[in-house]
């Protein structure tokens, strides 16, 4: 089976295509690609999430890379994707590797590549890695020295990534303000790589799924409302001010207000943008992926900020963050990157930033959302992920490619095809695209009323 890097790294089913042999090939390709990097003497950083065999897969990758004479700094325990990105940047390393399948179900694992700038590898970097991978798949490479021997010789070094990360966030967030405001936090680690971290940064009233469970308790480690019923209830039952959830590798975030209403990533994005511009007086440009709310367009217009829109995948946003003065960049699926931190998503950092906004503004999360909607208009969003056969998937994509003039009784005003097919109607839109990480089609919709969103989605999925 071919190893293919999608929207964010390579992912596969454990013991099917995600095997030790295949991980070793990708690690060999990584070593061969990065060995000419100007920072290679500082090594490559390797971390791993809480999935089944992630530690062992990470040690396999580290062993292969170290056998090529490259220093490896490996995490001494479960580490989040933002931790690996941070260490890569702080240690001035040539690159980073995270063994994770992020928000995918438990049967998956994956391999993410990080650039020396501390964010997802740019698309052309992945292209170069895939070229090396083709060579690696044809060649035979024997590991001469085992992991323990390389550890003794100091070629592989273990490091506490969590400690570095916690200290870094203490400098970037107003944690004393959050504490003094007495904000009551419910945190759901979803059995992911955020476990054991949030409570080291802020007082947490209620902790959920904060331990090791590689099956994720049978749930799906993606911070969407359907996977967060327990957190929704806990926020209300424990009288918390906010509920925060992070995904499998803790780079994505989801939130609930004090009434148990889900605050999606579009609203989080808007809340942060308003705070940065109006309260912090920060400047810069804004970047969003193709499936993000039109409310951001309205805000940028009001604030006189340049807005960039990219294809889906944080690697496209990361590129802009490394090349331009981007204040905030975000995608629909809960990944947000902020100026002054990393060109990377970071769920715990963003969750605590929401707490900082509540403390600084002296308002409840529900009040902050209402204030935003009253100013820029009510925007509602939903997404349906449809698991389909390849034949059915191609049929549906074909229907949209040919052109749709009417959806849910609304005339289509214009169509955009930056990534999938996006149909604009009065005060709303629908986007249909194939997932880059899973065998499914995603249907996205936004409108000025929740009933209209559901109507658009029903129509979109039945064509």
Protein backbone atom coordinates (compact mmCIF):
# COMPACT_ATOMS: atom_id res chain seq x y z
CA UNK A 1 0.00 0.00 0.00
CA UNK A 2 1.35 3.46 -0.93
CA UNK A 3 2.34 5.82 1.88
CA UNK A 4 0.66 9.13 1.12
CA UNK A 5 0.95 12.43 2.96
CA UNK A 6 -2.46 14.14 3.10
CA UNK A 7 -3.73 17.44 4.52
CA UNK A 8 -1.60 17.02 7.65
CA UNK A 9 0.92 14.20 7.50
CA UNK A 10 0.64 10.50 6.73
CA UNK A 11 -2.04 8.49 8.52
CA UNK A 12 -2.83 4.82 8.34
CA UNK A 13 -4.54 1.98 10.16
CA UNK A 14 -2.27 0.40 12.77
CA UNK A 15 -0.97 -3.04 11.67
CA UNK A 16 -2.45 -2.56 8.19
CA UNK A 17 -0.41 0.15 6.48
CA UNK A 18 0.84 1.89 9.63
CA UNK A 19 3.53 -0.65 10.54
CA UNK A 20 7.00 -0.48 12.08
CA UNK A 21 8.48 -1.25 8.68
CA UNK A 22 6.64 1.63 7.01
CA UNK A 23 7.45 4.05 9.85
CA UNK A 24 11.12 3.10 9.44
CA UNK A 25 10.91 3.91 5.70
CA UNK A 26 9.35 7.31 6.35
CA UNK A 27 11.97 8.01 9.03
CA UNK A 28 14.73 7.08 6.58
CA UNK A 29 13.23 9.44 4.01
CA UNK A 30 13.06 12.17 6.69
CA UNK A 31 16.75 11.65 7.58
CA UNK A 32 17.81 11.71 3.92
CA UNK A 33 15.72 14.81 3.23
CA UNK A 34 16.92 16.77 6.27
CA UNK A 35 20.58 15.66 6.34
CA UNK A 36 21.55 18.62 4.11
CA UNK A 37 19.63 21.11 6.27
CA UNK A 38 21.74 23.99 7.61
CA UNK A 39 20.58 23.23 11.19
CA UNK A 40 21.08 19.46 11.04
CA UNK A 41 23.91 19.57 13.61
CA UNK A 42 21.22 20.55 16.15
CA UNK A 43 19.33 17.37 15.32
CA UNK A 44 15.72 16.35 14.79
CA UNK A 45 13.03 16.46 17.50
CA UNK A 46 10.72 13.42 17.90
CA UNK A 47 7.55 13.27 19.98
CA UNK A 48 4.53 10.98 20.26
CA UNK A 49 0.90 11.06 21.37
CA UNK A 50 -1.20 8.75 23.59
CA UNK A 51 -2.17 6.23 20.88
CA UNK A 52 -1.48 2.50 20.86
CA UNK A 53 2.26 1.86 20.25
CA UNK A 54 3.02 5.57 19.61
CA UNK A 55 6.04 5.45 21.95
CA UNK A 56 7.42 2.37 20.17
CA UNK A 57 6.80 3.88 16.71
CA UNK A 58 8.59 7.07 17.84
CA UNK A 59 11.56 5.03 19.10
CA UNK A 60 11.70 3.22 15.74
CA UNK A 61 11.77 6.56 13.90
CA UNK A 62 14.42 7.92 16.28
CA UNK A 63 16.58 4.79 15.83
CA UNK A 64 16.51 5.00 12.02
CA UNK A 65 17.31 8.74 12.02
CA UNK A 66 20.11 8.34 14.58
CA UNK A 67 21.62 5.48 12.56
CA UNK A 68 22.14 8.04 9.79
CA UNK A 69 24.42 9.95 12.17
CA UNK A 70 21.80 12.58 13.09
CA UNK A 71 21.23 13.64 16.69
CA UNK A 72 17.67 12.95 17.92
CA UNK A 73 15.94 14.67 20.84
CA UNK A 74 13.01 12.44 21.83
CA UNK A 75 10.29 13.22 24.35
CA UNK A 76 10.52 11.36 27.68
CA UNK A 77 6.71 10.88 27.73
CA UNK A 78 3.50 11.58 25.78
CA UNK A 79 3.84 14.96 24.08
CA UNK A 80 1.45 17.17 22.12
CA UNK A 81 2.06 18.38 18.57
CA UNK A 82 2.55 22.00 19.79
CA UNK A 83 5.21 20.74 22.23
CA UNK A 84 7.19 19.15 19.38
CA UNK A 85 6.86 22.31 17.28
CA UNK A 86 7.98 24.46 20.22
CA UNK A 87 11.01 22.27 20.98
CA UNK A 88 11.96 22.19 17.29
CA UNK A 89 11.99 26.00 17.22
CA UNK A 90 13.64 26.50 20.64
CA UNK A 91 16.42 23.97 19.98
CA UNK A 92 17.01 25.41 16.50
CA UNK A 93 16.58 21.87 15.16
CA UNK A 94 16.41 20.95 11.47
CA UNK A 95 12.88 19.59 11.87
CA UNK A 96 10.46 17.68 14.03
CA UNK A 97 8.49 14.44 13.85
CA UNK A 98 5.28 13.67 15.74
CA UNK A 99 3.84 10.18 15.85
CA UNK A 100 0.13 10.98 15.94
CA UNK A 101 -3.07 10.59 13.96
CA UNK A 102 -4.41 13.75 15.62
CA UNK A 103 -8.24 13.57 15.82
CA UNK A 104 -8.66 10.30 13.85
CA UNK A 105 -10.25 7.24 15.51
CA UNK A 106 -8.12 4.94 17.68
CA UNK A 107 -7.34 2.39 14.96
CA UNK A 108 -5.25 5.04 13.16
CA UNK A 109 -1.79 6.34 13.84
CA UNK A 110 0.24 8.83 11.84
CA UNK A 111 3.45 10.72 11.15
CA UNK A 112 3.62 14.52 11.04
CA UNK A 113 6.65 16.47 9.84
CA UNK A 114 7.50 19.86 11.36
CA UNK A 115 9.68 22.56 9.82
CA UNK A 116 12.56 24.26 11.65
CA UNK A 117 10.26 27.28 12.16
CA UNK A 118 8.05 25.29 14.57
CA UNK A 119 5.01 24.50 12.43
CA UNK A 120 3.66 22.06 9.83
CA UNK A 121 6.03 21.37 6.94
CA UNK A 122 5.21 23.47 3.88
CA UNK A 123 3.71 21.61 0.87
CA UNK A 124 6.98 21.71 -1.12
CA UNK A 125 8.83 20.24 1.88
CA UNK A 126 6.38 17.33 1.87
CA UNK A 127 6.96 16.91 -1.88
CA UNK A 128 10.70 16.58 -1.26
CA UNK A 129 10.10 14.11 1.56
CA UNK A 130 7.84 12.01 -0.70
CA UNK A 131 10.57 11.92 -3.36
CA UNK A 132 12.98 10.58 -0.75
CA UNK A 133 10.29 8.14 0.37
CA UNK A 134 10.05 6.63 -3.12
CA UNK A 135 13.79 5.91 -2.95
CA UNK A 136 13.53 4.59 0.63
CA UNK A 137 10.76 2.16 -0.36
CA UNK A 138 12.99 0.68 -3.06
CA UNK A 139 16.14 0.46 -0.93
CA UNK A 140 17.09 -1.72 2.02
CA UNK A 141 18.44 -0.02 5.10
CA UNK A 142 19.70 -2.07 8.00
CA UNK A 143 19.64 -0.51 11.45
CA UNK A 144 23.18 -1.11 12.71
CA UNK A 145 22.81 0.18 16.27
CA UNK A 146 19.73 -0.36 18.47
CA UNK A 147 17.89 2.39 20.38
CA UNK A 148 19.48 1.72 23.80
CA UNK A 149 23.01 1.78 22.39
CA UNK A 150 22.32 5.10 20.63
CA UNK A 151 20.95 6.46 23.93
CA UNK A 152 24.15 5.45 25.75
CA UNK A 153 26.28 7.13 23.09
CA UNK A 154 24.18 10.31 23.36
CA UNK A 155 23.08 10.27 19.70
CA UNK A 156 19.52 9.92 20.99
CA UNK A 157 18.69 12.10 24.00
CA UNK A 158 15.50 12.09 26.06
CA UNK A 159 14.07 15.49 27.01
CA UNK A 160 11.12 16.70 29.08
CA UNK A 161 9.04 18.53 26.44
CA UNK A 162 6.17 19.23 28.85
CA UNK A 163 8.33 21.29 31.22
CA UNK A 164 9.63 23.50 28.39
CA UNK A 165 6.09 23.96 27.05
CA UNK A 166 4.55 24.85 30.43
CA UNK A 167 7.26 27.43 31.16
CA UNK A 168 6.81 28.94 27.69
CA UNK A 169 3.05 29.37 28.12
CA UNK A 170 3.56 30.98 31.53
CA UNK A 171 5.41 33.78 29.73
CA UNK A 172 2.84 34.19 26.95
CA UNK A 173 -0.44 34.13 28.89
CA UNK A 174 -1.71 36.28 31.76
CA UNK A 175 -2.21 33.31 34.06
CA UNK A 176 -2.27 35.44 37.28
CA UNK A 177 -5.21 37.41 35.79
CA UNK A 178 -7.08 34.14 35.05
CA UNK A 179 -6.45 32.94 38.62
CA UNK A 180 -7.48 36.21 40.26
CA UNK A 181 -10.70 36.30 38.20
CA UNK A 182 -11.61 32.94 39.77
CA UNK A 183 -12.60 31.44 36.43
CA UNK A 184 -13.92 27.92 36.90
CA UNK A 185 -12.59 25.65 34.14
CA UNK A 186 -13.78 22.21 33.05
CA UNK A 187 -11.15 20.52 30.90
CA UNK A 188 -11.61 17.41 28.74
CA UNK A 189 -8.31 15.99 27.48
CA UNK A 190 -10.28 13.40 25.43
CA UNK A 191 -7.57 10.85 26.51
CA UNK A 192 -5.24 12.76 24.20
CA UNK A 193 -1.80 14.35 24.50
CA UNK A 194 -3.11 17.27 26.56
CA UNK A 195 -3.50 14.99 29.58
CA UNK A 196 -1.80 16.24 32.74
CA UNK A 197 -0.93 19.65 31.24
CA UNK A 198 -3.87 22.06 31.73
CA UNK A 199 -3.87 21.70 35.53
CA UNK A 200 -0.21 22.76 35.62
CA UNK A 201 -1.14 26.12 34.09
CA UNK A 202 -4.47 27.09 35.63
CA UNK A 203 -6.79 25.96 38.43
CA UNK A 204 -9.13 23.35 36.93
CA UNK A 205 -12.47 22.68 38.65
CA UNK A 206 -13.36 19.54 36.66
CA UNK A 207 -11.05 17.20 34.74
CA UNK A 208 -12.40 14.68 32.25
CA UNK A 209 -10.70 11.86 30.30
CA UNK A 210 -7.36 13.05 31.62
CA UNK A 211 -5.54 9.71 31.72
CA UNK A 212 -4.02 7.08 29.47
CA UNK A 213 -6.53 5.18 27.31
CA UNK A 214 -5.27 4.43 23.78
CA UNK A 215 -8.77 3.42 22.62
CA UNK A 216 -10.04 6.91 23.64
CA UNK A 217 -12.77 5.14 25.61
CA UNK A 218 -14.39 4.11 22.34
CA UNK A 219 -14.96 7.76 21.43
CA UNK A 220 -13.51 9.89 18.63
CA UNK A 221 -10.83 12.35 19.88
CA UNK A 222 -12.12 15.34 17.90
CA UNK A 223 -13.44 18.34 19.89
CA UNK A 224 -16.89 18.51 18.29
CA UNK A 225 -20.19 18.61 20.26
CA UNK A 226 -21.17 15.00 19.42
CA UNK A 227 -17.97 13.75 21.12
CA UNK A 228 -18.20 16.10 24.13
CA UNK A 229 -21.55 15.29 25.79
CA UNK A 230 -19.86 14.59 29.13
CA UNK A 231 -18.04 17.94 29.09
CA UNK A 232 -21.24 19.78 28.13
CA UNK A 233 -23.01 18.28 31.18
CA UNK A 234 -20.05 18.77 33.52
CA UNK A 235 -19.80 22.50 32.77
CA UNK A 236 -23.39 23.06 33.91
CA UNK A 237 -23.31 20.53 36.80
CA UNK A 238 -20.05 21.95 38.25
CA UNK A 239 -21.12 25.56 37.59
CA UNK A 240 -18.04 26.19 35.47
CA UNK A 241 -17.47 29.37 33.45
CA UNK A 242 -15.96 27.54 30.50
CA UNK A 243 -15.46 24.04 29.16
CA UNK A 244 -12.30 23.40 27.12
CA UNK A 245 -11.53 20.26 25.10
CA UNK A 246 -8.44 19.36 23.08
CA UNK A 247 -8.07 16.60 20.49
CA UNK A 248 -5.80 13.55 20.23
CA UNK A 249 -2.56 15.52 19.81
CA UNK A 250 -3.86 18.66 21.63
CA UNK A 251 -3.46 21.04 18.71
CA UNK A 252 -7.21 21.59 18.19
CA UNK A 253 -9.69 23.12 20.61
CA UNK A 254 -13.42 23.13 21.29
CA UNK A 255 -15.24 25.14 23.98
CA UNK A 256 -18.53 25.45 25.86
CA UNK A 257 -19.91 28.55 27.56
CA UNK A 258 -21.26 28.49 31.13
CA UNK A 259 -24.72 27.46 29.91
CA UNK A 260 -23.38 24.39 28.07
CA UNK A 261 -23.58 25.94 24.59
CA UNK A 262 -20.85 24.86 22.18
CA UNK A 263 -18.57 27.69 21.04
CA UNK A 264 -17.15 26.55 17.71
CA UNK A 265 -13.79 27.48 16.20
CA UNK A 266 -15.33 30.23 14.02
CA UNK A 267 -16.57 32.02 17.13
CA UNK A 268 -13.30 31.38 18.99
CA UNK A 269 -11.43 32.89 16.01
CA UNK A 270 -13.70 35.97 16.05
CA UNK A 271 -13.43 36.42 19.84
CA UNK A 272 -9.64 36.29 19.67
CA UNK A 273 -9.47 38.69 16.72
CA UNK A 274 -11.69 41.23 18.50
CA UNK A 275 -9.58 40.97 21.69
CA UNK A 276 -6.25 41.33 19.88
CA UNK A 277 -7.37 44.37 17.87
CA UNK A 278 -9.59 46.21 20.34
CA UNK A 279 -8.08 45.35 23.74
CA UNK A 280 -4.45 44.43 23.01
CA UNK A 281 -4.11 46.90 20.11
CA UNK A 282 -2.10 44.34 18.16
CA UNK A 283 -1.67 44.68 14.42
CA UNK A 284 -1.05 42.32 11.50
CA UNK A 285 -2.85 40.45 8.76
CA UNK A 286 -5.42 37.67 9.12
CA UNK A 287 -5.52 34.25 7.45
CA UNK A 288 -8.31 31.68 7.31
CA UNK A 289 -8.95 28.42 5.50
CA UNK A 290 -11.66 28.01 2.86
CA UNK A 291 -14.27 26.57 5.25
CA UNK A 292 -14.16 29.37 7.85
CA UNK A 293 -17.00 31.80 8.62
CA UNK A 294 -17.72 34.88 6.52
CA UNK A 295 -17.92 36.77 9.83
CA UNK A 296 -14.12 37.02 9.72
CA UNK A 297 -14.41 38.84 6.36
CA UNK A 298 -16.77 41.37 7.96
CA UNK A 299 -14.43 41.90 10.92
CA UNK A 300 -11.37 42.41 8.73
CA UNK A 301 -13.34 44.94 6.70
CA UNK A 302 -14.27 46.85 9.85
CA UNK A 303 -10.73 46.80 11.27
CA UNK A 304 -9.06 47.52 7.91
CA UNK A 305 -7.03 44.29 8.05
CA UNK A 306 -5.71 42.33 5.08
CA UNK A 307 -7.40 38.90 4.88
CA UNK A 308 -5.87 35.84 3.20
CA UNK A 309 -7.93 32.74 2.38
CA UNK A 310 -6.18 29.42 1.76
CA UNK A 311 -6.98 25.84 0.82
CA UNK A 312 -7.81 23.56 3.77
CA UNK A 313 -4.87 22.27 5.82
CA UNK A 314 -2.97 24.24 8.45
CA UNK A 315 0.26 23.87 6.42
CA UNK A 316 -1.08 26.57 4.05
CA UNK A 317 -1.80 28.92 6.96
CA UNK A 318 1.56 28.08 8.52
CA UNK A 319 3.34 29.18 5.34
CA UNK A 320 1.66 32.59 5.56
CA UNK A 321 2.59 32.84 9.25
CA UNK A 322 6.25 32.22 8.41
CA UNK A 323 6.27 34.62 5.44
CA UNK A 324 4.02 37.51 6.52
CA UNK A 325 3.03 39.44 9.65
CA UNK A 326 -0.02 37.31 10.46
CA UNK A 327 -1.86 38.29 13.64
CA UNK A 328 -4.06 35.18 13.71
CA UNK A 329 -4.64 32.25 11.37
CA UNK A 330 -7.35 29.65 11.79
CA UNK A 331 -9.17 26.72 10.24
CA UNK A 332 -12.71 25.46 10.77
CA UNK A 333 -11.71 22.26 12.54
CA UNK A 334 -10.51 23.92 15.74
CA UNK A 335 -6.92 24.81 14.83
CA UNK A 336 -5.79 28.38 15.53
CA UNK A 337 -2.32 29.94 15.38
CA UNK A 338 -1.42 33.27 16.99
CA UNK A 339 1.34 35.82 16.41
CA UNK A 340 4.06 35.71 19.06
CA UNK A 341 3.51 32.02 19.85
CA UNK A 342 4.06 29.51 17.02
CA UNK A 343 3.04 29.15 13.36
CA UNK A 344 1.13 26.16 14.70
CA UNK A 345 -2.22 25.16 16.20
CA UNK A 346 -2.25 24.84 20.00
CA UNK A 347 -5.44 23.80 21.78
CA UNK A 348 -4.34 24.41 25.38
CA UNK A 349 -2.88 27.84 24.58
CA UNK A 350 -6.05 28.92 22.74
CA UNK A 351 -8.32 27.56 25.49
CA UNK A 352 -6.44 29.58 28.09
CA UNK A 353 -6.50 32.66 25.84
CA UNK A 354 -10.31 32.43 25.98
CA UNK A 355 -10.06 32.43 29.78
CA UNK A 356 -7.76 35.47 29.59
CA UNK A 357 -10.33 37.33 27.43
CA UNK A 358 -13.10 36.54 29.93
CA UNK A 359 -10.92 37.79 32.80
CA UNK A 360 -9.72 40.91 30.97
CA UNK A 361 -13.20 41.88 29.73
CA UNK A 362 -14.99 40.84 32.92
CA UNK A 363 -17.68 39.05 30.89
CA UNK A 364 -19.10 35.56 30.66
CA UNK A 365 -18.29 33.58 27.52
CA UNK A 366 -21.96 33.64 26.46
CA UNK A 367 -21.96 37.46 26.80
CA UNK A 368 -18.81 37.77 24.69
CA UNK A 369 -20.36 35.62 21.93
CA UNK A 370 -23.66 37.58 22.02
CA UNK A 371 -21.77 40.89 21.84
CA UNK A 372 -19.90 39.62 18.78
CA UNK A 373 -23.04 38.40 17.00
CA UNK A 374 -24.97 41.59 17.72
CA UNK A 375 -22.20 43.59 16.09
CA UNK A 376 -21.42 41.38 13.08
CA UNK A 377 -24.65 39.43 12.64
CA UNK A 378 -25.59 35.94 13.79
CA UNK A 379 -23.64 33.21 12.01
CA UNK A 380 -24.37 29.52 12.54
CA UNK A 381 -22.27 26.64 11.24
CA UNK A 382 -22.40 22.86 11.00
CA UNK A 383 -20.58 20.07 9.20
CA UNK A 384 -21.51 16.53 8.19
CA UNK A 385 -18.88 13.88 7.50
CA UNK A 386 -20.22 11.19 5.17
CA UNK A 387 -18.33 7.87 4.96
CA UNK A 388 -18.88 6.64 1.41
CA UNK A 389 -17.60 4.10 -1.07
CA UNK A 390 -15.12 5.43 -3.64
CA UNK A 391 -17.79 5.09 -6.34
CA UNK A 392 -20.41 7.07 -4.39
CA UNK A 393 -17.80 9.66 -3.39
CA UNK A 394 -16.84 10.25 -7.04
CA UNK A 395 -20.49 10.45 -8.08
CA UNK A 396 -21.29 13.18 -5.55
CA UNK A 397 -18.13 15.19 -6.32
CA UNK A 398 -19.04 14.89 -10.03
CA UNK A 399 -22.53 16.35 -9.44
CA UNK A 400 -21.02 19.45 -7.81
CA UNK A 401 -18.29 19.76 -10.42
CA UNK A 402 -20.91 19.88 -13.20
CA UNK A 403 -22.65 22.75 -11.43
CA UNK A 404 -25.57 23.22 -9.04
CA UNK A 405 -27.91 26.18 -9.63
CA UNK A 406 -30.22 25.73 -6.66
CA UNK A 407 -29.76 24.26 -3.19
CA UNK A 408 -32.49 23.85 -0.54
CA UNK A 409 -34.69 26.19 -2.60
CA UNK A 410 -32.06 28.96 -2.55
CA UNK A 411 -30.55 30.22 -5.80
CA UNK A 412 -26.76 29.86 -6.01
CA UNK A 413 -25.27 33.37 -6.38
CA UNK A 414 -21.67 32.35 -7.00
CA UNK A 415 -19.33 29.36 -6.84
CA UNK A 416 -15.72 29.14 -5.58
CA UNK A 417 -13.47 26.11 -6.14
CA UNK A 418 -10.32 26.86 -4.13
CA UNK A 419 -10.67 23.54 -2.29
CA UNK A 420 -13.80 21.57 -3.17
CA UNK A 421 -16.96 23.32 -4.40
CA UNK A 422 -18.37 26.23 -2.37
CA UNK A 423 -21.87 27.46 -3.28
CA UNK A 424 -22.92 30.90 -2.01
CA UNK A 425 -26.60 31.68 -1.41
CA UNK A 426 -28.18 34.75 0.25
CA UNK A 427 -26.74 34.97 3.80
CA UNK A 428 -25.14 31.54 3.62
CA UNK A 429 -22.97 29.00 1.84
CA UNK A 430 -22.35 25.27 1.42
CA UNK A 431 -18.95 23.64 0.81
CA UNK A 432 -18.51 20.06 -0.46
CA UNK A 433 -15.03 18.52 -0.46
CA UNK A 434 -13.24 15.19 -0.06
CA UNK A 435 -11.29 14.84 3.19
CA UNK A 436 -7.51 14.87 2.91
CA UNK A 437 -7.06 12.61 5.96
CA UNK A 438 -9.98 10.14 5.92
CA UNK A 439 -12.05 8.23 3.28
CA UNK A 440 -15.06 10.54 3.38
CA UNK A 441 -16.77 13.65 1.99
CA UNK A 442 -17.26 16.64 4.24
CA UNK A 443 -20.31 18.89 3.81
CA UNK A 444 -20.01 22.30 5.49
CA UNK A 445 -22.69 25.01 5.76
CA UNK A 446 -23.04 28.47 7.29
CA UNK A 447 -26.14 30.67 7.43
CA UNK A 448 -27.90 33.33 9.51
CA UNK A 449 -30.20 30.81 11.23
CA UNK A 450 -29.57 27.25 12.54
CA UNK A 451 -32.66 25.91 10.68
CA UNK A 452 -31.27 27.27 7.41
CA UNK A 453 -27.91 25.54 8.06
CA UNK A 454 -29.65 22.20 8.57
CA UNK A 455 -31.81 22.76 5.48
CA UNK A 456 -28.71 23.49 3.37
CA UNK A 457 -26.92 20.39 4.71
CA UNK A 458 -29.92 18.13 4.11
CA UNK A 459 -30.12 19.33 0.53
CA UNK A 460 -26.34 19.15 -0.03
CA UNK A 461 -26.10 15.54 1.16
CA UNK A 462 -29.06 14.34 -0.91
CA UNK A 463 -27.93 15.52 -4.36
